[in-house]
Amino acid sequence: MTESDPASWTDLIRESVHTNDDEHLGDIEAVNRNFMVVRKGLVNVRRFYVPLTKVHGWDGKAVWLNISERDASENYQKDRRPDPHDYYFSSAQPTEPANFVRDFQINMPKIVRTYEEERPFVTASNEPRHERNSFSCDLCESKFQTESELDDHITARH
């Protein structure tokens, strides 16, 4: 990926994520409208379902969070893989570009670079998108009728 600003959250899949106490939390494995799933480890895999509202910014090399590693471990760590019907991975791309743009437009502040590791660019392939009738919070399992209700819940509660 170039050092230009990412156009969407999917552009950041496989990029490094750091906490505000300068700890490497892992790399972005998958994203959806409200969360990024950060994966750390190969054998003892840990996953963090971090609300996008907890993102401080992008420095051109890494995504920085406005939470500590301890906060991430205590509040956002989950022992399950992200559902491929609810998340985009580096190998998945939605079939309707209009929905893709609507769901993943990014408005992330650009911050001063503090991380210097190079990462390869990852491309996506076509895979059908699963439509759903209800929405659930990946952190507390609450159910909602609309994406807007889920968005409001995540912003207010997590």
C-alpha atoms as a PDB file:
ATOM      1  CA  MET A   1       0.000   0.000   0.000  1.00  0.00           C
ATOM      2  CA  THR A   2       1.261   3.455  -0.785  1.00  0.00           C
ATOM      3  CA  GLU A   3       1.600   6.131   1.819  1.00  0.00           C
ATOM      4  CA  SER A   4      -1.486   7.925   0.475  1.00  0.00           C
ATOM      5  CA  ASP A   5      -4.577   8.041   2.607  1.00  0.00           C
ATOM      6  CA  PRO A   6      -6.602   4.807   2.475  1.00  0.00           C
ATOM      7  CA  ALA A   7      -9.875   5.097   0.557  1.00  0.00           C
ATOM      8  CA  SER A   8     -11.699   2.473   2.612  1.00  0.00           C
ATOM      9  CA  TRP A   9     -11.268   0.282   5.672  1.00  0.00           C
ATOM     10  CA  THR A  10     -10.579  -2.710   3.424  1.00  0.00           C
ATOM     11  CA  ASP A  11      -7.442  -0.933   2.192  1.00  0.00           C
ATOM     12  CA  LEU A  12      -6.113  -1.383   5.734  1.00  0.00           C
ATOM     13  CA  ILE A  13      -6.552  -5.163   5.957  1.00  0.00           C
ATOM     14  CA  ARG A  14      -3.209  -6.755   6.972  1.00  0.00           C
ATOM     15  CA  GLU A  15      -1.898  -3.447   8.268  1.00  0.00           C
ATOM     16  CA  SER A  16      -0.408  -3.173  11.736  1.00  0.00           C
ATOM     17  CA  VAL A  17      -2.457  -1.885  14.695  1.00  0.00           C
ATOM     18  CA  HIS A  18      -0.907  -0.190  17.742  1.00  0.00           C
ATOM     19  CA  THR A  19      -2.423   0.910  21.031  1.00  0.00           C
ATOM     20  CA  ASN A  20      -2.000   4.333  22.621  1.00  0.00           C
ATOM     21  CA  ASP A  21       0.604   2.860  24.998  1.00  0.00           C
ATOM     22  CA  ASP A  22       2.768   1.960  21.959  1.00  0.00           C
ATOM     23  CA  GLU A  23       2.064  -1.791  21.948  1.00  0.00           C
ATOM     24  CA  HIS A  24       1.624  -3.780  18.737  1.00  0.00           C
ATOM     25  CA  LEU A  25      -1.864  -5.280  19.078  1.00  0.00           C
ATOM     26  CA  GLY A  26      -1.647  -7.276  15.825  1.00  0.00           C
ATOM     27  CA  ASP A  27      -2.683  -6.915  12.185  1.00  0.00           C
ATOM     28  CA  ILE A  28      -6.120  -6.203  10.769  1.00  0.00           C
ATOM     29  CA  GLU A  29      -7.623  -9.529   9.678  1.00  0.00           C
ATOM     30  CA  ALA A  30     -11.115  -8.373   8.701  1.00  0.00           C
ATOM     31  CA  VAL A  31     -13.407  -5.339   8.816  1.00  0.00           C
ATOM     32  CA  ASN A  32     -17.098  -4.575   8.722  1.00  0.00           C
ATOM     33  CA  ARG A  33     -19.160  -1.438   9.095  1.00  0.00           C
ATOM     34  CA  ASN A  34     -18.490  -1.124  12.841  1.00  0.00           C
ATOM     35  CA  PHE A  35     -15.486  -3.260  13.789  1.00  0.00           C
ATOM     36  CA  MET A  36     -12.007  -4.221  12.765  1.00  0.00           C
ATOM     37  CA  VAL A  37     -10.812  -7.665  13.802  1.00  0.00           C
ATOM     38  CA  VAL A  38      -7.172  -7.511  14.859  1.00  0.00           C
ATOM     39  CA  ARG A  39      -5.332 -10.830  14.872  1.00  0.00           C
ATOM     40  CA  LYS A  40      -2.161 -11.484  16.819  1.00  0.00           C
ATOM     41  CA  GLY A  41      -0.116 -14.691  16.756  1.00  0.00           C
ATOM     42  CA  LEU A  42       0.179 -17.764  14.585  1.00  0.00           C
ATOM     43  CA  VAL A  43      -0.118 -20.648  17.062  1.00  0.00           C
ATOM     44  CA  ASN A  44      -1.798 -19.006  20.045  1.00  0.00           C
ATOM     45  CA  VAL A  45      -4.070 -16.701  18.054  1.00  0.00           C
ATOM     46  CA  ARG A  46      -5.705 -13.798  19.851  1.00  0.00           C
ATOM     47  CA  ARG A  47      -8.416 -11.713  18.217  1.00  0.00           C
ATOM     48  CA  PHE A  48      -9.662  -8.285  19.190  1.00  0.00           C
ATOM     49  CA  TYR A  49     -12.997  -6.946  17.916  1.00  0.00           C
ATOM     50  CA  VAL A  50     -12.204  -3.234  18.069  1.00  0.00           C
ATOM     51  CA  PRO A  51     -14.970  -0.704  17.329  1.00  0.00           C
ATOM     52  CA  LEU A  52     -13.914   1.682  14.561  1.00  0.00           C
ATOM     53  CA  THR A  53     -14.766   4.517  16.956  1.00  0.00           C
ATOM     54  CA  LYS A  54     -11.624   3.552  18.926  1.00  0.00           C
ATOM     55  CA  VAL A  55      -9.295   4.402  16.018  1.00  0.00           C
ATOM     56  CA  HIS A  56      -7.103   7.447  16.634  1.00  0.00           C
ATOM     57  CA  GLY A  57      -5.629   7.628  13.133  1.00  0.00           C
ATOM     58  CA  TRP A  58      -3.424   6.310  10.356  1.00  0.00           C
ATOM     59  CA  ASP A  59       0.224   7.368  10.169  1.00  0.00           C
ATOM     60  CA  GLY A  60       0.917   5.975   6.713  1.00  0.00           C
ATOM     61  CA  LYS A  61       2.281   2.687   8.089  1.00  0.00           C
ATOM     62  CA  ALA A  62       0.042   1.675  11.023  1.00  0.00           C
ATOM     63  CA  VAL A  63      -3.396   2.223  12.498  1.00  0.00           C
ATOM     64  CA  TRP A  64      -3.259   3.739  15.986  1.00  0.00           C
ATOM     65  CA  LEU A  65      -5.981   3.224  18.587  1.00  0.00           C
ATOM     66  CA  ASN A  66      -7.009   5.576  21.378  1.00  0.00           C
ATOM     67  CA  ILE A  67      -7.139   2.656  23.874  1.00  0.00           C
ATOM     68  CA  SER A  68      -4.423   0.813  25.788  1.00  0.00           C
ATOM     69  CA  GLU A  69      -3.350  -2.793  25.282  1.00  0.00           C
ATOM     70  CA  ARG A  70      -4.887  -3.639  28.653  1.00  0.00           C
ATOM     71  CA  ASP A  71      -8.214  -2.069  27.644  1.00  0.00           C
ATOM     72  CA  ALA A  72      -8.134  -4.035  24.378  1.00  0.00           C
ATOM     73  CA  SER A  73      -7.430  -7.308  26.224  1.00  0.00           C
ATOM     74  CA  GLU A  74     -10.078  -6.723  28.876  1.00  0.00           C
ATOM     75  CA  ASN A  75     -12.884  -5.375  26.679  1.00  0.00           C
ATOM     76  CA  TYR A  76     -12.385  -6.421  23.067  1.00  0.00           C
ATOM     77  CA  GLN A  77     -10.661  -9.807  23.011  1.00  0.00           C
ATOM     78  CA  LYS A  78     -12.898 -12.644  21.714  1.00  0.00           C
ATOM     79  CA  ASP A  79     -12.038 -16.301  21.129  1.00  0.00           C
ATOM     80  CA  ARG A  80     -13.783 -16.700  17.779  1.00  0.00           C
ATOM     81  CA  ARG A  81     -13.101 -16.144  14.120  1.00  0.00           C
ATOM     82  CA  PRO A  82     -14.996 -13.395  12.329  1.00  0.00           C
ATOM     83  CA  ASP A  83     -18.006 -14.645  10.358  1.00  0.00           C
ATOM     84  CA  PRO A  84     -17.199 -14.378   6.623  1.00  0.00           C
ATOM     85  CA  HIS A  85     -20.804 -13.337   5.983  1.00  0.00           C
ATOM     86  CA  ASP A  86     -20.429 -10.315   8.238  1.00  0.00           C
ATOM     87  CA  TYR A  87     -16.816  -9.288   7.599  1.00  0.00           C
ATOM     88  CA  TYR A  88     -14.581  -8.487   4.640  1.00  0.00           C
ATOM     89  CA  PHE A  89     -11.216 -10.228   4.496  1.00  0.00           C
ATOM     90  CA  SER A  90      -8.338  -9.477   2.145  1.00  0.00           C
ATOM     91  CA  SER A  91      -9.612 -12.148  -0.244  1.00  0.00           C
ATOM     92  CA  ALA A  92     -13.233 -10.945  -0.297  1.00  0.00           C
ATOM     93  CA  GLN A  93     -14.927  -8.096  -2.097  1.00  0.00           C
ATOM     94  CA  PRO A  94     -18.629  -7.253  -2.195  1.00  0.00           C
ATOM     95  CA  THR A  95     -20.570  -7.746  -5.411  1.00  0.00           C
ATOM     96  CA  GLU A  96     -22.249  -4.318  -5.341  1.00  0.00           C
ATOM     97  CA  PRO A  97     -19.646  -1.537  -5.465  1.00  0.00           C
ATOM     98  CA  ALA A  98     -22.215   1.098  -4.365  1.00  0.00           C
ATOM     99  CA  ASN A  99     -22.850  -0.731  -1.082  1.00  0.00           C
ATOM    100  CA  PHE A 100     -19.135  -1.292  -0.626  1.00  0.00           C
ATOM    101  CA  VAL A 101     -18.408   2.415  -0.839  1.00  0.00           C
ATOM    102  CA  ARG A 102     -21.319   3.283   1.472  1.00  0.00           C
ATOM    103  CA  ASP A 103     -20.351   0.723   4.111  1.00  0.00           C
ATOM    104  CA  PHE A 104     -16.604   1.308   4.195  1.00  0.00           C
ATOM    105  CA  GLN A 105     -15.951   4.953   3.456  1.00  0.00           C
ATOM    106  CA  ILE A 106     -13.217   6.143   5.712  1.00  0.00           C
ATOM    107  CA  ASN A 107     -12.802   9.388   7.572  1.00  0.00           C
ATOM    108  CA  MET A 108      -9.648   8.792   9.564  1.00  0.00           C
ATOM    109  CA  PRO A 109      -7.274  11.529  10.637  1.00  0.00           C
ATOM    110  CA  LYS A 110      -3.756  11.367   9.253  1.00  0.00           C
ATOM    111  CA  ILE A 111      -1.234  11.386  12.109  1.00  0.00           C
ATOM    112  CA  VAL A 112       2.547  11.691  12.329  1.00  0.00           C
ATOM    113  CA  ARG A 113       4.303   8.417  11.483  1.00  0.00           C
ATOM    114  CA  THR A 114       5.793   6.466  14.367  1.00  0.00           C
ATOM    115  CA  TYR A 115       6.135   3.037  12.740  1.00  0.00           C
ATOM    116  CA  GLU A 116       8.619   2.177   9.962  1.00  0.00           C
ATOM    117  CA  GLU A 117       7.931  -1.384   8.680  1.00  0.00           C
ATOM    118  CA  GLU A 118       7.047  -1.922   4.996  1.00  0.00           C
ATOM    119  CA  ARG A 119       3.917  -3.984   4.147  1.00  0.00           C
ATOM    120  CA  PRO A 120       2.937  -5.535   0.797  1.00  0.00           C
ATOM    121  CA  PHE A 121      -0.213  -4.431  -1.021  1.00  0.00           C
ATOM    122  CA  VAL A 122      -3.006  -7.006  -0.900  1.00  0.00           C
ATOM    123  CA  THR A 123      -5.648  -7.354  -3.602  1.00  0.00           C
ATOM    124  CA  ALA A 124      -9.192  -8.672  -3.217  1.00  0.00           C
ATOM    125  CA  SER A 125     -11.215 -11.164  -5.254  1.00  0.00           C
ATOM    126  CA  ASN A 126     -14.939 -11.326  -5.999  1.00  0.00           C
ATOM    127  CA  GLU A 127     -17.129 -13.242  -3.566  1.00  0.00           C
ATOM    128  CA  PRO A 128     -20.911 -12.874  -3.100  1.00  0.00           C
ATOM    129  CA  ARG A 129     -22.099 -10.773  -0.184  1.00  0.00           C
ATOM    130  CA  HIS A 130     -24.496 -12.283   2.340  1.00  0.00           C
ATOM    131  CA  GLU A 131     -27.500 -10.062   3.157  1.00  0.00           C
ATOM    132  CA  ARG A 132     -28.988 -10.341   6.623  1.00  0.00           C
ATOM    133  CA  ASN A 133     -32.218  -9.331   8.326  1.00  0.00           C
ATOM    134  CA  SER A 134     -30.869  -8.690  11.820  1.00  0.00           C
ATOM    135  CA  PHE A 135     -27.663  -7.261  13.184  1.00  0.00           C
ATOM    136  CA  SER A 136     -25.756  -8.212  16.318  1.00  0.00           C
ATOM    137  CA  CYS A 137     -22.974  -6.591  18.289  1.00  0.00           C
ATOM    138  CA  ASP A 138     -19.843  -8.747  18.229  1.00  0.00           C
ATOM    139  CA  LEU A 139     -18.866  -7.574  21.697  1.00  0.00           C
ATOM    140  CA  CYS A 140     -22.034  -8.062  23.757  1.00  0.00           C
ATOM    141  CA  GLU A 141     -24.227 -10.167  21.421  1.00  0.00           C
ATOM    142  CA  SER A 142     -27.133  -7.642  21.527  1.00  0.00           C
ATOM    143  CA  LYS A 143     -29.477  -7.884  18.506  1.00  0.00           C
ATOM    144  CA  PHE A 144     -30.780  -5.003  16.390  1.00  0.00           C
ATOM    145  CA  GLN A 145     -33.235  -4.577  13.515  1.00  0.00           C
ATOM    146  CA  THR A 146     -31.149  -2.102  11.487  1.00  0.00           C
ATOM    147  CA  GLU A 147     -27.524  -1.207  10.887  1.00  0.00           C
ATOM    148  CA  SER A 148     -28.238   2.278  12.214  1.00  0.00           C
ATOM    149  CA  GLU A 149     -29.438   0.872  15.536  1.00  0.00           C
ATOM    150  CA  LEU A 150     -26.269  -1.229  15.754  1.00  0.00           C
ATOM    151  CA  ASP A 151     -24.113   1.823  14.897  1.00  0.00           C
ATOM    152  CA  ASP A 152     -25.796   3.879  17.641  1.00  0.00           C
ATOM    153  CA  HIS A 153     -25.332   1.047  20.170  1.00  0.00           C
ATOM    154  CA  ILE A 154     -21.615   0.652  19.413  1.00  0.00           C
ATOM    155  CA  THR A 155     -20.997   4.390  19.586  1.00  0.00           C
ATOM    156  CA  ALA A 156     -22.865   4.757  22.897  1.00  0.00           C
ATOM    157  CA  ARG A 157     -21.839   1.556  24.671  1.00  0.00           C
ATOM    158  CA  HIS A 158     -18.439   0.438  23.386  1.00  0.00           C
END
